[in-house]
Amino acid sequence: MTAVRFGTYGIRGVAGETLTPEIAAALGAALMEQHPRGVVLLGRDTRPSGAALSNALAAAIEAGGGSAIDIGVIPTPGLAQLVAGEASASCGVVDRK
């Protein structure tokens, strides 16, 4: 089994195998350690696993005291532009497998 890894394009893994809702939740908790009470914009692609991963990430962000704003289906550059233009946003995460 291939482990999740950090790289130039983010955290990568196979949805449901090495990239699970539990890992997405751990990422949400880690984001709140770096951005306490932060606002995180969430985007995703159209794959079926996107909603479950985004939901787990959002739940962990909110459990950690932050706010998750689900933008829905959006390309990475689009979310980056939204984050850059939104003063209250701490960061953004795009769920793309």
Protein backbone atom coordinates (compact mmCIF):
# COMPACT_ATOMS: atom_id res chain seq x y z
CA MET A 1 0.00 0.00 0.00
CA THR A 2 1.33 3.44 -0.96
CA ALA A 3 1.47 6.00 1.84
CA VAL A 4 0.02 9.48 1.59
CA ARG A 5 2.81 11.92 0.80
CA PHE A 6 3.36 15.63 0.68
CA GLY A 7 4.65 17.03 -2.57
CA THR A 8 4.65 19.93 -4.95
CA TYR A 9 0.98 19.37 -5.65
CA GLY A 10 -0.09 18.70 -2.07
CA ILE A 11 -1.16 15.58 -0.26
CA ARG A 12 -1.66 12.70 -2.65
CA GLY A 13 -3.17 9.28 -2.25
CA VAL A 14 -5.73 6.85 -3.62
CA ALA A 15 -9.21 7.81 -2.42
CA GLY A 16 -10.61 5.21 -0.06
CA GLU A 17 -7.26 3.45 0.31
CA THR A 18 -4.44 5.79 1.28
CA LEU A 19 -6.51 8.97 1.29
CA THR A 20 -9.46 8.46 3.61
CA PRO A 21 -11.91 10.62 5.53
CA GLU A 22 -9.76 9.96 8.62
CA ILE A 23 -6.72 11.43 6.90
CA ALA A 24 -8.79 14.39 5.71
CA ALA A 25 -9.92 14.94 9.31
CA ALA A 26 -6.31 14.81 10.52
CA LEU A 27 -5.46 17.46 7.93
CA GLY A 28 -8.30 19.63 9.23
CA ALA A 29 -7.00 19.30 12.79
CA ALA A 30 -3.48 20.19 11.64
CA LEU A 31 -4.77 23.25 9.80
CA MET A 32 -6.40 24.48 12.99
CA GLU A 33 -3.09 24.10 14.84
CA GLN A 34 -1.51 26.42 12.26
CA HIS A 35 -4.53 28.72 11.80
CA PRO A 36 -6.47 28.74 15.10
CA ARG A 37 -10.07 29.84 14.51
CA GLY A 38 -9.20 30.21 10.86
CA VAL A 39 -11.52 30.39 7.91
CA VAL A 40 -10.75 27.68 5.36
CA LEU A 41 -12.28 27.70 1.88
CA LEU A 42 -12.92 24.18 0.58
CA GLY A 43 -13.18 23.16 -3.06
CA ARG A 44 -13.30 19.82 -4.84
CA ASP A 45 -13.49 18.17 -8.22
CA THR A 46 -16.40 16.08 -9.48
CA ARG A 47 -15.22 12.63 -8.39
CA PRO A 48 -17.56 10.68 -6.11
CA SER A 49 -15.08 10.61 -3.20
CA GLY A 50 -14.87 14.42 -3.03
CA ALA A 51 -17.92 15.03 -0.86
CA ALA A 52 -16.93 12.54 1.85
CA LEU A 53 -13.37 13.87 2.05
CA SER A 54 -14.56 17.49 2.10
CA ASN A 55 -17.15 16.70 4.78
CA ALA A 56 -14.54 15.04 7.01
CA LEU A 57 -12.16 17.94 6.51
CA ALA A 58 -14.87 20.51 7.29
CA ALA A 59 -16.00 18.65 10.42
CA ALA A 60 -12.46 18.60 11.80
CA ILE A 61 -11.93 22.28 11.01
CA GLU A 62 -15.13 23.21 12.81
CA ALA A 63 -14.35 20.88 15.74
CA GLY A 64 -11.01 22.69 16.04
CA GLY A 65 -12.70 26.07 16.31
CA GLY A 66 -12.40 27.16 12.70
CA SER A 67 -14.90 27.83 9.97
CA ALA A 68 -15.08 25.80 6.79
CA ILE A 69 -16.75 27.37 3.78
CA ASP A 70 -17.65 24.82 1.13
CA ILE A 71 -17.22 26.45 -2.28
CA GLY A 72 -18.18 23.22 -4.05
CA VAL A 73 -16.79 22.14 -7.40
CA ILE A 74 -14.07 24.56 -8.49
CA PRO A 75 -10.66 24.27 -10.17
CA THR A 76 -7.58 24.85 -8.04
CA PRO A 77 -6.71 28.23 -9.63
CA GLY A 78 -10.25 29.42 -8.98
CA LEU A 79 -10.05 28.57 -5.29
CA ALA A 80 -6.61 30.17 -5.07
CA GLN A 81 -8.05 33.38 -6.46
CA LEU A 82 -10.92 33.31 -3.97
CA VAL A 83 -8.53 32.78 -1.04
CA ALA A 84 -6.27 35.60 -2.23
CA GLY A 85 -9.24 37.94 -2.57
CA GLU A 86 -10.90 37.10 0.75
CA ALA A 87 -9.21 38.86 3.66
CA SER A 88 -10.87 36.60 6.24
CA ALA A 89 -9.61 33.37 4.61
CA SER A 90 -6.68 31.72 6.34
CA CYS A 91 -6.16 29.20 3.57
CA GLY A 92 -7.86 26.98 1.03
CA VAL A 93 -7.96 23.26 0.31
CA VAL A 94 -8.98 21.64 -2.95
CA ASP A 95 -9.92 17.97 -2.89
CA ARG A 96 -8.56 16.62 -6.18
CA LYS A 97 -7.54 13.02 -6.44
